C-alpha atoms as a PDB file:
ATOM      1  CA  MET A   1       0.233   0.120  -0.109  1.00  0.00           C
ATOM      2  CA  ILE A   2       1.174   3.776  -1.039  1.00  0.00           C
ATOM      3  CA  GLU A   3       0.533   6.366   1.317  1.00  0.00           C
ATOM      4  CA  PRO A   4       2.237   9.530   3.040  1.00  0.00           C
ATOM      5  CA  GLY A   5       4.985   9.496   4.876  1.00  0.00           C
ATOM      6  CA  PRO A   6       4.537  10.268   8.962  1.00  0.00           C
ATOM      7  CA  ARG A   7       5.599  14.268   8.109  1.00  0.00           C
ATOM      8  CA  ASN A   8       4.124  14.158   4.268  1.00  0.00           C
ATOM      9  CA  LEU A   9       7.194  16.227   3.579  1.00  0.00           C
ATOM     10  CA  ILE A  10      10.241  15.523   1.432  1.00  0.00           C
ATOM     11  CA  THR A  11      12.218  14.851   4.662  1.00  0.00           C
ATOM     12  CA  ASP A  12      10.490  11.612   4.950  1.00  0.00           C
ATOM     13  CA  VAL A  13      13.201  10.200   2.268  1.00  0.00           C
ATOM     14  CA  GLU A  14      15.744   9.104   5.156  1.00  0.00           C
ATOM     15  CA  GLY A  15      18.715  11.452   4.703  1.00  0.00           C
ATOM     16  CA  ILE A  16      16.981  14.475   3.768  1.00  0.00           C
ATOM     17  CA  LEU A  17      17.304  18.042   5.358  1.00  0.00           C
ATOM     18  CA  VAL A  18      15.554  21.224   4.284  1.00  0.00           C
ATOM     19  CA  GLY A  19      16.017  24.518   5.646  1.00  0.00           C
ATOM     20  CA  ASN A  20      14.160  27.734   4.681  1.00  0.00           C
ATOM     21  CA  ALA A  21      15.122  31.555   5.080  1.00  0.00           C
ATOM     22  CA  GLN A  22      13.121  34.609   3.782  1.00  0.00           C
ATOM     23  CA  ASP A  23      13.469  38.358   4.190  1.00  0.00           C
ATOM     24  CA  ALA A  24       9.902  39.449   4.497  1.00  0.00           C
ATOM     25  CA  GLY A  25      10.370  43.434   3.372  1.00  0.00           C
ATOM     26  CA  ALA A  26      11.960  42.435  -0.052  1.00  0.00           C
ATOM     27  CA  ARG A  27       9.302  39.400   0.083  1.00  0.00           C
ATOM     28  CA  SER A  28      11.804  36.583  -1.097  1.00  0.00           C
ATOM     29  CA  GLY A  29      13.107  33.842   0.530  1.00  0.00           C
ATOM     30  CA  THR A  30      15.665  30.926  -0.289  1.00  0.00           C
ATOM     31  CA  THR A  31      14.805  27.103   0.431  1.00  0.00           C
ATOM     32  CA  VAL A  32      18.331  24.652   1.121  1.00  0.00           C
ATOM     33  CA  VAL A  33      17.936  21.082   0.386  1.00  0.00           C
ATOM     34  CA  LEU A  34      20.833  18.878   2.065  1.00  0.00           C
ATOM     35  CA  PRO A  35      21.009  15.320   1.626  1.00  0.00           C
ATOM     36  CA  GLU A  36      23.444  13.640   4.399  1.00  0.00           C
ATOM     37  CA  PRO A  37      25.646  12.229   2.399  1.00  0.00           C
ATOM     38  CA  ALA A  38      25.721  13.726  -0.642  1.00  0.00           C
ATOM     39  CA  ALA A  39      23.636  11.941  -2.754  1.00  0.00           C
ATOM     40  CA  LEU A  40      23.461  11.165  -6.836  1.00  0.00           C
ATOM     41  CA  ALA A  41      21.222  13.899  -8.923  1.00  0.00           C
ATOM     42  CA  ALA A  42      19.892  14.629 -11.715  1.00  0.00           C
ATOM     43  CA  VAL A  43      18.276  17.458 -13.115  1.00  0.00           C
ATOM     44  CA  GLU A  44      15.319  18.145 -16.177  1.00  0.00           C
ATOM     45  CA  VAL A  45      14.487  21.533 -17.263  1.00  0.00           C
ATOM     46  CA  ARG A  46      10.916  21.988 -19.137  1.00  0.00           C
ATOM     47  CA  GLY A  47      10.108  25.638 -18.900  1.00  0.00           C
ATOM     48  CA  GLY A  48      11.106  28.417 -21.557  1.00  0.00           C
ATOM     49  CA  GLY A  49      13.318  30.965 -19.228  1.00  0.00           C
ATOM     50  CA  PRO A  50      14.944  28.868 -16.918  1.00  0.00           C
ATOM     51  CA  GLY A  51      17.479  30.037 -14.212  1.00  0.00           C
ATOM     52  CA  THR A  52      20.073  27.511 -13.202  1.00  0.00           C
ATOM     53  CA  ARG A  53      23.492  27.218 -11.797  1.00  0.00           C
ATOM     54  CA  GLU A  54      25.238  23.792 -12.589  1.00  0.00           C
ATOM     55  CA  THR A  55      22.935  21.741 -13.955  1.00  0.00           C
ATOM     56  CA  ASP A  56      25.013  21.032 -17.138  1.00  0.00           C
ATOM     57  CA  ALA A  57      27.330  19.158 -14.526  1.00  0.00           C
ATOM     58  CA  LEU A  58      24.239  16.902 -13.677  1.00  0.00           C
ATOM     59  CA  SER A  59      24.217  15.709 -17.029  1.00  0.00           C
ATOM     60  CA  PRO A  60      24.354  12.039 -17.538  1.00  0.00           C
ATOM     61  CA  SER A  61      27.455  12.383 -19.881  1.00  0.00           C
ATOM     62  CA  CYS A  62      29.370  14.767 -17.250  1.00  0.00           C
ATOM     63  CA  LEU A  63      31.766  13.667 -14.459  1.00  0.00           C
ATOM     64  CA  VAL A  64      29.984  14.791 -11.470  1.00  0.00           C
ATOM     65  CA  GLU A  65      27.778  12.036  -9.704  1.00  0.00           C
ATOM     66  CA  ARG A  66      26.759  13.563  -6.009  1.00  0.00           C
ATOM     67  CA  VAL A  67      25.856  17.055  -5.188  1.00  0.00           C
ATOM     68  CA  ASP A  68      26.131  18.144  -1.225  1.00  0.00           C
ATOM     69  CA  ALA A  69      22.986  20.517  -1.346  1.00  0.00           C
ATOM     70  CA  ILE A  70      20.313  21.936  -3.991  1.00  0.00           C
ATOM     71  CA  VAL A  71      19.263  25.484  -3.888  1.00  0.00           C
ATOM     72  CA  LEU A  72      16.076  26.931  -4.539  1.00  0.00           C
ATOM     73  CA  SER A  73      15.503  30.808  -4.151  1.00  0.00           C
ATOM     74  CA  GLY A  74      13.839  33.428  -5.318  1.00  0.00           C
ATOM     75  CA  GLY A  75      15.101  36.781  -7.107  1.00  0.00           C
ATOM     76  CA  SER A  76      15.099  35.685 -10.603  1.00  0.00           C
ATOM     77  CA  ALA A  77      19.129  35.643 -11.650  1.00  0.00           C
ATOM     78  CA  LEU A  78      20.190  37.518  -8.848  1.00  0.00           C
ATOM     79  CA  GLY A  79      18.864  34.696  -6.395  1.00  0.00           C
ATOM     80  CA  LEU A  80      21.371  32.741  -7.953  1.00  0.00           C
ATOM     81  CA  ASP A  81      23.910  33.867  -5.466  1.00  0.00           C
ATOM     82  CA  ALA A  82      22.199  32.284  -2.237  1.00  0.00           C
ATOM     83  CA  ALA A  83      24.119  28.796  -3.601  1.00  0.00           C
ATOM     84  CA  SER A  84      26.758  30.871  -3.216  1.00  0.00           C
ATOM     85  CA  GLY A  85      26.288  31.364   0.118  1.00  0.00           C
ATOM     86  CA  VAL A  86      25.678  27.338   1.084  1.00  0.00           C
ATOM     87  CA  ALA A  87      28.703  26.448  -0.880  1.00  0.00           C
ATOM     88  CA  ASN A  88      30.881  28.464   1.284  1.00  0.00           C
ATOM     89  CA  TRP A  89      28.863  27.390   4.030  1.00  0.00           C
ATOM     90  CA  LEU A  90      29.825  24.110   3.507  1.00  0.00           C
ATOM     91  CA  ALA A  91      33.774  24.506   2.244  1.00  0.00           C
ATOM     92  CA  ALA A  92      34.065  25.925   5.745  1.00  0.00           C
ATOM     93  CA  SER A  93      32.343  23.154   7.155  1.00  0.00           C
ATOM     94  CA  GLY A  94      34.808  20.830   5.368  1.00  0.00           C
ATOM     95  CA  ARG A  95      32.070  19.290   3.132  1.00  0.00           C
ATOM     96  CA  GLY A  96      32.715  18.897  -0.475  1.00  0.00           C
ATOM     97  CA  PHE A  97      34.956  17.706  -2.786  1.00  0.00           C
ATOM     98  CA  PRO A  98      38.722  17.229  -1.565  1.00  0.00           C
ATOM     99  CA  ILE A  99      41.053  19.050  -3.335  1.00  0.00           C
ATOM    100  CA  SER A 100      44.360  20.784  -3.044  1.00  0.00           C
ATOM    101  CA  GLY A 101      43.692  21.375   0.791  1.00  0.00           C
ATOM    102  CA  CYS A 102      40.557  22.731   0.237  1.00  0.00           C
ATOM    103  CA  PHE A 103      36.614  21.347  -0.491  1.00  0.00           C
ATOM    104  CA  VAL A 104      34.587  22.324  -3.146  1.00  0.00           C
ATOM    105  CA  PRO A 105      30.681  21.571  -2.914  1.00  0.00           C
ATOM    106  CA  ILE A 106      28.594  20.841  -5.569  1.00  0.00           C
ATOM    107  CA  VAL A 107      25.439  23.034  -5.035  1.00  0.00           C
ATOM    108  CA  PRO A 108      23.245  23.153  -8.179  1.00  0.00           C
ATOM    109  CA  ALA A 109      20.577  25.678  -7.815  1.00  0.00           C
ATOM    110  CA  ALA A 110      17.337  27.086  -9.787  1.00  0.00           C
ATOM    111  CA  ILE A 111      15.509  30.332  -9.315  1.00  0.00           C
ATOM    112  CA  LEU A 112      12.023  32.132  -9.742  1.00  0.00           C
ATOM    113  CA  PHE A 113      10.797  35.563 -10.253  1.00  0.00           C
ATOM    114  CA  ASP A 114       9.148  36.968  -7.735  1.00  0.00           C
ATOM    115  CA  LEU A 115      10.645  40.814  -8.260  1.00  0.00           C
ATOM    116  CA  ASN A 116       6.995  42.259  -9.319  1.00  0.00           C
ATOM    117  CA  ASN A 117       5.475  41.360  -6.029  1.00  0.00           C
ATOM    118  CA  GLY A 118       5.845  45.224  -4.202  1.00  0.00           C
ATOM    119  CA  GLY A 119       8.665  43.812  -1.997  1.00  0.00           C
ATOM    120  CA  ASP A 120      11.336  46.579  -1.191  1.00  0.00           C
ATOM    121  CA  LYS A 121      13.947  45.357  -3.491  1.00  0.00           C
ATOM    122  CA  ALA A 122      16.342  48.257  -3.491  1.00  0.00           C
ATOM    123  CA  TRP A 123      19.591  46.981  -1.936  1.00  0.00           C
ATOM    124  CA  GLY A 124      22.063  48.241  -4.092  1.00  0.00           C
ATOM    125  CA  GLU A 125      24.898  46.009  -4.383  1.00  0.00           C
ATOM    126  CA  GLU A 126      24.429  43.711  -1.866  1.00  0.00           C
ATOM    127  CA  PRO A 127      20.927  41.556  -2.989  1.00  0.00           C
ATOM    128  CA  PRO A 128      19.920  39.147   0.415  1.00  0.00           C
ATOM    129  CA  TYR A 129      20.638  36.057  -1.006  1.00  0.00           C
ATOM    130  CA  ARG A 130      23.633  34.864   0.000  1.00  0.00           C
ATOM    131  CA  ARG A 131      23.034  35.908   3.541  1.00  0.00           C
ATOM    132  CA  LEU A 132      19.588  33.717   2.759  1.00  0.00           C
ATOM    133  CA  GLY A 133      21.427  30.883   1.282  1.00  0.00           C
ATOM    134  CA  ARG A 134      23.543  30.806   4.469  1.00  0.00           C
ATOM    135  CA  ALA A 135      20.948  31.067   6.873  1.00  0.00           C
ATOM    136  CA  ALA A 136      18.222  28.367   4.831  1.00  0.00           C
ATOM    137  CA  ALA A 137      21.629  25.642   5.188  1.00  0.00           C
ATOM    138  CA  LEU A 138      21.939  26.755   9.070  1.00  0.00           C
ATOM    139  CA  ALA A 139      17.987  25.667   9.621  1.00  0.00           C
ATOM    140  CA  ALA A 140      17.806  22.449   7.919  1.00  0.00           C
ATOM    141  CA  GLY A 141      16.066  19.788   9.564  1.00  0.00           C
ATOM    142  CA  ARG A 142      13.361  17.445   8.857  1.00  0.00           C
ATOM    143  CA  ASP A 143      10.562  20.128   9.660  1.00  0.00           C
ATOM    144  CA  PHE A 144       9.286  22.867   8.274  1.00  0.00           C
ATOM    145  CA  PRO A 145       6.346  24.638   7.108  1.00  0.00           C
ATOM    146  CA  LEU A 146       4.851  25.484   4.058  1.00  0.00           C
ATOM    147  CA  GLY A 147       3.380  28.129   2.081  1.00  0.00           C
ATOM    148  CA  ASN A 148       4.879  31.729   2.521  1.00  0.00           C
ATOM    149  CA  VAL A 149       8.274  30.553   3.388  1.00  0.00           C
ATOM    150  CA  GLY A 150      11.795  30.080   1.524  1.00  0.00           C
ATOM    151  CA  ALA A 151      11.419  29.950  -2.438  1.00  0.00           C
ATOM    152  CA  GLY A 152       7.824  30.284  -1.704  1.00  0.00           C
ATOM    153  CA  PHE A 153       7.732  33.271   0.725  1.00  0.00           C
ATOM    154  CA  GLY A 154       6.853  35.538  -3.135  1.00  0.00           C
ATOM    155  CA  ALA A 155       5.852  33.419  -5.164  1.00  0.00           C
ATOM    156  CA  SER A 156       2.056  33.903  -7.195  1.00  0.00           C
ATOM    157  CA  ALA A 157       0.223  31.047  -8.984  1.00  0.00           C
ATOM    158  CA  GLY A 158      -1.618  33.090 -11.512  1.00  0.00           C
ATOM    159  CA  ARG A 159      -3.602  35.265  -9.663  1.00  0.00           C
ATOM    160  CA  LEU A 160      -3.371  33.991  -6.275  1.00  0.00           C
ATOM    161  CA  LYS A 161      -0.944  33.602  -3.872  1.00  0.00           C
ATOM    162  CA  GLY A 162       1.794  30.601  -4.361  1.00  0.00           C
ATOM    163  CA  GLY A 163       4.158  29.205  -2.150  1.00  0.00           C
ATOM    164  CA  LEU A 164       6.560  26.455  -0.726  1.00  0.00           C
ATOM    165  CA  GLY A 165       4.334  23.066  -0.578  1.00  0.00           C
ATOM    166  CA  SER A 166       5.552  19.405  -0.353  1.00  0.00           C
ATOM    167  CA  ALA A 167       4.353  15.799   0.093  1.00  0.00           C
ATOM    168  CA  SER A 168       5.598  12.418   0.226  1.00  0.00           C
ATOM    169  CA  ALA A 169       4.510   8.776  -0.465  1.00  0.00           C
ATOM    170  CA  ILE A 170       6.145   5.469   0.930  1.00  0.00           C
ATOM    171  CA  ASP A 171       5.041   1.959   0.464  1.00  0.00           C
ATOM    172  CA  GLY A 172       4.846  -1.206   3.181  1.00  0.00           C
ATOM    173  CA  GLU A 173       8.793  -2.426   1.443  1.00  0.00           C
ATOM    174  CA  GLY A 174      10.359   0.101   2.514  1.00  0.00           C
ATOM    175  CA  LEU A 175      10.327   2.623  -0.473  1.00  0.00           C
ATOM    176  CA  GLU A 176      10.300   6.618  -0.230  1.00  0.00           C
ATOM    177  CA  VAL A 177       9.749   8.834  -2.493  1.00  0.00           C
ATOM    178  CA  GLY A 178       9.319  12.924  -1.659  1.00  0.00           C
ATOM    179  CA  ALA A 179       8.680  16.337  -3.412  1.00  0.00           C
ATOM    180  CA  LEU A 180       9.319  19.858  -2.450  1.00  0.00           C
ATOM    181  CA  VAL A 181       7.822  22.863  -4.969  1.00  0.00           C
ATOM    182  CA  ALA A 182       8.025  26.108  -5.057  1.00  0.00           C
ATOM    183  CA  ALA A 183       4.562  27.364  -6.567  1.00  0.00           C
ATOM    184  CA  ASN A 184       4.922  30.655  -8.678  1.00  0.00           C
ATOM    185  CA  PRO A 185       3.385  29.679 -12.170  1.00  0.00           C
ATOM    186  CA  VAL A 186       2.191  31.531 -14.666  1.00  0.00           C
ATOM    187  CA  GLY A 187      -0.721  29.257 -15.527  1.00  0.00           C
ATOM    188  CA  SER A 188      -3.729  28.560 -13.498  1.00  0.00           C
ATOM    189  CA  VAL A 189      -4.097  26.014 -10.393  1.00  0.00           C
ATOM    190  CA  LEU A 190      -7.477  26.029 -10.647  1.00  0.00           C
ATOM    191  CA  VAL A 191     -10.431  24.780 -13.205  1.00  0.00           C
ATOM    192  CA  PRO A 192     -11.874  27.523 -14.692  1.00  0.00           C
ATOM    193  CA  GLY A 193     -14.869  29.443 -13.640  1.00  0.00           C
ATOM    194  CA  SER A 194     -14.085  27.280 -10.319  1.00  0.00           C
ATOM    195  CA  ALA A 195     -12.537  27.375  -7.099  1.00  0.00           C
ATOM    196  CA  ARG A 196     -11.726  23.509  -7.387  1.00  0.00           C
ATOM    197  CA  LEU A 197      -8.105  22.801  -8.193  1.00  0.00           C
ATOM    198  CA  TRP A 198      -6.665  20.853 -11.111  1.00  0.00           C
ATOM    199  CA  ALA A 199      -4.578  18.507  -8.503  1.00  0.00           C
ATOM    200  CA  ALA A 200      -7.491  17.787  -5.946  1.00  0.00           C
ATOM    201  CA  ALA A 201      -8.335  14.340  -7.533  1.00  0.00           C
ATOM    202  CA  LEU A 202      -4.952  12.938  -6.230  1.00  0.00           C
ATOM    203  CA  GLU A 203      -5.485  14.017  -2.570  1.00  0.00           C
ATOM    204  CA  GLN A 204      -4.463  11.361  -0.004  1.00  0.00           C
ATOM    205  CA  ARG A 205      -5.969  11.353   3.355  1.00  0.00           C
ATOM    206  CA  GLY A 206      -7.403  14.690   3.385  1.00  0.00           C
ATOM    207  CA  GLU A 207      -4.176  16.294   2.957  1.00  0.00           C
ATOM    208  CA  PHE A 208      -5.685  19.105   1.333  1.00  0.00           C
ATOM    209  CA  GLY A 209      -8.688  19.317   3.806  1.00  0.00           C
ATOM    210  CA  LEU A 210     -11.058  19.700   0.678  1.00  0.00           C
ATOM    211  CA  PRO A 211     -14.691  18.920   0.792  1.00  0.00           C
ATOM    212  CA  ALA A 212     -15.891  15.962  -0.547  1.00  0.00           C
ATOM    213  CA  GLY A 213     -16.648  16.194  -4.247  1.00  0.00           C
ATOM    214  CA  ALA A 214     -14.047  18.739  -4.954  1.00  0.00           C
ATOM    215  CA  GLY A 215     -11.809  17.085  -7.001  1.00  0.00           C
ATOM    216  CA  MET A 216     -14.885  16.648  -9.690  1.00  0.00           C
ATOM    217  CA  VAL A 217     -14.485  18.402 -12.719  1.00  0.00           C
ATOM    218  CA  PRO A 218     -17.884  20.820 -13.161  1.00  0.00           C
ATOM    219  CA  PRO A 219     -20.078  19.476 -15.719  1.00  0.00           C
ATOM    220  CA  ARG A 220     -19.773  21.529 -18.572  1.00  0.00           C
ATOM    221  CA  ASP A 221     -17.624  23.010 -20.987  1.00  0.00           C
ATOM    222  CA  LEU A 222     -14.516  24.222 -20.160  1.00  0.00           C
ATOM    223  CA  ASP A 223     -12.660  27.649 -21.003  1.00  0.00           C
ATOM    224  CA  LEU A 224      -9.645  26.193 -22.708  1.00  0.00           C
ATOM    225  CA  ASP A 225      -8.089  29.550 -23.730  1.00  0.00           C
ATOM    226  CA  LEU A 226      -5.187  31.072 -21.565  1.00  0.00           C
ATOM    227  CA  PRO A 227      -6.788  31.415 -18.239  1.00  0.00           C
ATOM    228  CA  ALA A 228      -7.610  34.865 -17.890  1.00  0.00           C
ATOM    229  CA  GLU A 229      -5.636  35.404 -13.846  1.00  0.00           C
ATOM    230  CA  GLY A 230      -2.067  34.305 -15.407  1.00  0.00           C
ATOM    231  CA  ARG A 231       0.250  36.825 -15.066  1.00  0.00           C
ATOM    232  CA  LEU A 232       2.455  36.806 -17.814  1.00  0.00           C
ATOM    233  CA  GLY A 233       6.018  37.822 -16.813  1.00  0.00           C
ATOM    234  CA  GLY A 234       8.796  35.786 -15.210  1.00  0.00           C
ATOM    235  CA  HIS A 235       7.064  33.234 -12.940  1.00  0.00           C
ATOM    236  CA  THR A 236       8.519  29.860 -12.485  1.00  0.00           C
ATOM    237  CA  CYS A 237       7.809  26.295 -10.658  1.00  0.00           C
ATOM    238  CA  ILE A 238      11.315  24.811  -9.218  1.00  0.00           C
ATOM    239  CA  GLY A 239      11.361  21.823  -7.048  1.00  0.00           C
ATOM    240  CA  ILE A 240      13.158  18.808  -6.032  1.00  0.00           C
ATOM    241  CA  ILE A 241      12.124  14.979  -5.841  1.00  0.00           C
ATOM    242  CA  ALA A 242      14.025  12.409  -3.406  1.00  0.00           C
ATOM    243  CA  THR A 243      14.093   8.985  -2.913  1.00  0.00           C
ATOM    244  CA  ASN A 244      15.743   6.440  -1.385  1.00  0.00           C
ATOM    245  CA  LEU A 245      16.499   4.054  -4.339  1.00  0.00           C
ATOM    246  CA  THR A 246      19.853   3.671  -5.711  1.00  0.00           C
ATOM    247  CA  LEU A 247      19.642   5.098  -8.850  1.00  0.00           C
ATOM    248  CA  THR A 248      22.068   6.090 -11.653  1.00  0.00           C
ATOM    249  CA  LYS A 249      22.114   9.268 -13.441  1.00  0.00           C
ATOM    250  CA  ALA A 250      20.455   8.417 -16.374  1.00  0.00           C
ATOM    251  CA  GLN A 251      17.691   6.549 -13.817  1.00  0.00           C
ATOM    252  CA  ALA A 252      17.569   9.725 -12.318  1.00  0.00           C
ATOM    253  CA  GLN A 253      16.963  12.396 -15.242  1.00  0.00           C
ATOM    254  CA  ARG A 254      13.868   9.702 -16.776  1.00  0.00           C
ATOM    255  CA  VAL A 255      12.588  10.345 -12.947  1.00  0.00           C
ATOM    256  CA  ALA A 256      12.615  13.921 -13.837  1.00  0.00           C
ATOM    257  CA  ILE A 257      11.313  14.074 -16.690  1.00  0.00           C
ATOM    258  CA  MET A 258       8.394  11.942 -15.709  1.00  0.00           C
ATOM    259  CA  ALA A 259       7.492  13.941 -12.647  1.00  0.00           C
ATOM    260  CA  HIS A 260       7.267  16.847 -14.861  1.00  0.00           C
ATOM    261  CA  ASP A 261       4.263  15.692 -15.768  1.00  0.00           C
ATOM    262  CA  GLY A 262       3.024  16.144 -11.788  1.00  0.00           C
ATOM    263  CA  LEU A 263       3.475  20.242 -12.766  1.00  0.00           C
ATOM    264  CA  ALA A 264       1.346  19.582 -15.752  1.00  0.00           C
ATOM    265  CA  ARG A 265      -1.325  17.706 -13.710  1.00  0.00           C
ATOM    266  CA  ALA A 266      -1.471  20.664 -11.062  1.00  0.00           C
ATOM    267  CA  ILE A 267      -1.045  23.958 -13.663  1.00  0.00           C
ATOM    268  CA  ARG A 268      -2.633  24.653 -16.890  1.00  0.00           C
ATOM    269  CA  PRO A 269      -0.839  25.620 -18.784  1.00  0.00           C
ATOM    270  CA  VAL A 270       2.482  24.623 -17.473  1.00  0.00           C
ATOM    271  CA  HIS A 271       6.175  25.096 -19.220  1.00  0.00           C
ATOM    272  CA  THR A 272       5.482  28.133 -21.123  1.00  0.00           C
ATOM    273  CA  PRO A 273       7.968  30.331 -22.831  1.00  0.00           C
ATOM    274  CA  PHE A 274       7.543  32.593 -19.564  1.00  0.00           C
ATOM    275  CA  ASP A 275       8.377  30.200 -17.051  1.00  0.00           C
ATOM    276  CA  GLY A 276      11.219  28.402 -16.145  1.00  0.00           C
ATOM    277  CA  ASP A 277      10.173  24.761 -14.601  1.00  0.00           C
ATOM    278  CA  THR A 278      13.046  22.967 -13.707  1.00  0.00           C
ATOM    279  CA  LEU A 279      12.967  19.669 -11.267  1.00  0.00           C
ATOM    280  CA  PHE A 280      15.679  17.950  -9.905  1.00  0.00           C
ATOM    281  CA  VAL A 281      15.950  14.404  -8.048  1.00  0.00           C
ATOM    282  CA  LEU A 282      17.944  13.277  -5.590  1.00  0.00           C
ATOM    283  CA  ALA A 283      18.380   9.597  -4.835  1.00  0.00           C
ATOM    284  CA  THR A 284      20.136   8.586  -1.420  1.00  0.00           C
ATOM    285  CA  GLY A 285      20.830   5.376  -2.762  1.00  0.00           C
ATOM    286  CA  ARG A 286      19.898   3.651   0.901  1.00  0.00           C
ATOM    287  CA  ARG A 287      17.853   0.940  -1.046  1.00  0.00           C
ATOM    288  CA  PRO A 288      18.372  -0.903  -4.214  1.00  0.00           C
ATOM    289  CA  LEU A 289      15.867  -1.465  -6.937  1.00  0.00           C
ATOM    290  CA  ALA A 290      13.675  -4.726  -6.044  1.00  0.00           C
ATOM    291  CA  GLU A 291      12.169  -5.164  -9.411  1.00  0.00           C
ATOM    292  CA  PRO A 292      14.004  -5.078 -13.315  1.00  0.00           C
ATOM    293  CA  ALA A 293      15.075  -1.763 -13.380  1.00  0.00           C
ATOM    294  CA  PRO A 294      12.605  -0.362 -16.105  1.00  0.00           C
ATOM    295  CA  LEU A 295       9.848  -0.973 -13.924  1.00  0.00           C
ATOM    296  CA  ALA A 296      10.880   0.006 -11.147  1.00  0.00           C
ATOM    297  CA  ILE A 297      12.030   3.767 -13.055  1.00  0.00           C
ATOM    298  CA  ALA A 298       8.402   3.333 -14.313  1.00  0.00           C
ATOM    299  CA  ARG A 299       6.518   2.840 -11.047  1.00  0.00           C
ATOM    300  CA  LEU A 300       8.995   5.581  -9.321  1.00  0.00           C
ATOM    301  CA  GLY A 301       8.397   8.217 -12.044  1.00  0.00           C
ATOM    302  CA  SER A 302       4.545   7.678 -11.682  1.00  0.00           C
ATOM    303  CA  LEU A 303       5.108   8.517  -7.675  1.00  0.00           C
ATOM    304  CA  ALA A 304       7.287  11.313  -8.226  1.00  0.00           C
ATOM    305  CA  ALA A 305       4.638  13.054 -10.055  1.00  0.00           C
ATOM    306  CA  ASP A 306       1.760  12.544  -7.941  1.00  0.00           C
ATOM    307  CA  CYS A 307       3.961  13.626  -5.210  1.00  0.00           C
ATOM    308  CA  VAL A 308       4.962  17.091  -7.154  1.00  0.00           C
ATOM    309  CA  ALA A 309       1.260  17.617  -8.114  1.00  0.00           C
ATOM    310  CA  ARG A 310       0.012  17.358  -4.176  1.00  0.00           C
ATOM    311  CA  ALA A 311       3.384  19.455  -3.381  1.00  0.00           C
ATOM    312  CA  VAL A 312       1.688  21.851  -5.866  1.00  0.00           C
ATOM    313  CA  ALA A 313      -1.486  22.064  -4.395  1.00  0.00           C
ATOM    314  CA  ARG A 314      -0.375  22.253  -0.595  1.00  0.00           C
ATOM    315  CA  ALA A 315       1.884  24.648  -1.413  1.00  0.00           C
ATOM    316  CA  VAL A 316      -1.093  27.035  -2.451  1.00  0.00           C
ATOM    317  CA  LEU A 317      -3.341  25.966   0.156  1.00  0.00           C
ATOM    318  CA  ALA A 318      -0.620  26.924   2.850  1.00  0.00           C
ATOM    319  CA  ALA A 319      -0.334  30.289   1.612  1.00  0.00           C
ATOM    320  CA  GLU A 320      -0.929  33.509   3.117  1.00  0.00           C
ATOM    321  CA  SER A 321      -1.965  36.980   1.076  1.00  0.00           C
ATOM    322  CA  LEU A 322       0.622  39.183   0.614  1.00  0.00           C
ATOM    323  CA  GLY A 323       0.430  42.236  -1.055  1.00  0.00           C
ATOM    324  CA  ASP A 324      -2.327  42.138  -3.650  1.00  0.00           C
ATOM    325  CA  ARG A 325      -1.612  38.573  -3.792  1.00  0.00           C
ATOM    326  CA  LEU A 326      -4.465  36.536  -2.326  1.00  0.00           C
ATOM    327  CA  SER A 327      -4.393  33.528  -0.722  1.00  0.00           C
ATOM    328  CA  TYR A 328      -6.861  30.470  -1.863  1.00  0.00           C
ATOM    329  CA  ARG A 329      -8.320  30.778   1.874  1.00  0.00           C
ATOM    330  CA  ALA A 330      -9.182  34.117   1.372  1.00  0.00           C
ATOM    331  CA  ALA A 331     -10.710  33.833  -1.759  1.00  0.00           C
ATOM    332  CA  TYR A 332     -12.310  30.809  -1.513  1.00  0.00           C
ATOM    333  CA  GLY A 333     -12.570  29.838   2.061  1.00  0.00           C
ATOM    334  CA  ALA A 334     -10.062  28.129   4.418  1.00  0.00           C
ATOM    335  CA  PRO A 335     -10.065  24.354   3.638  1.00  0.00           C
ATOM    336  CA  LEU A 336     -11.454  21.839   6.634  1.00  0.00           C
ATOM    337  CA  ALA A 337      -9.323  21.349   9.402  1.00  0.00           C
ATOM    338  CA  GLY A 338      -6.765  18.800   9.142  1.00  0.00           C
ATOM    339  CA  GLY A 339      -5.749  19.614   5.306  1.00  0.00           C
ATOM    340  CA  ALA A 340      -3.021  21.891   3.715  1.00  0.00           C
ATOM    341  CA  GLU A 341      -1.821  23.290   7.542  1.00  0.00           C
ATOM    342  CA  SER A 342      -1.857  19.776   8.988  1.00  0.00           C
END
């Protein structure tokens, strides 16, 4: 039986820690995922406007196998500097690839665009992201809140407030899968003309707190044009999938490819020219593949995609209003007790 883990967070995968830091004045923040120890990683970029660091190194054809951290950040291209703060902290802590008497941590990163959310961006020559990256790394642990936190602090989801979301899936045989997503899409998370989440049908054990039947599509023709609430500018959903399985880089990349289906299950449209949608995969290697590899990867990728979709929904449902970005709860009413905020 497959069900959410005890936290229903990516940290249900053993060896994965998450830290967040944000600047409320700037309305932006950073999220750091720390595997302990370093883990195999891969990536798949599907959006038309990505902002990334060290993603080329994760190609199956390249030398790098393992990473010391992955950073998700607001701030557009300026937010990539958060990874420098994390890398400097890791190196000073003796973590990374040892060479010539020093350590070189491998810290891939992806950013989202949150510069138009009304926060104070007059930071001159010192944007806060290097500081936020270090603070997020120092805060890393197994428990963390969702919504207006870390890379999701200043995020938007169409006309609604976006945020940071996470979900997990485990089975009775020891498989662990989790997803973490900073949801900031151009597209809408809602079925046109309704308060229904596209991802509602994937809810597990009441995690969204939605009333019965909320996952049903209205019995009428849908407006299939671009959603009117979409803000056509820089946006992006960025995230990380983690598993305890032992994978090759090519296998991990296939999981990342499949996991992008989760964004498509939760957001419409997705992977637009305005989004920089990027998903990383971390494989801790604590459990061998128990099935023929192609079958195991197909199953893992399917579970990862569902976790991504659920993480997007939880991000939006946990978010609080910020400036002119109304939360789902402010716009449509609070979910039932025991849902997105549990």
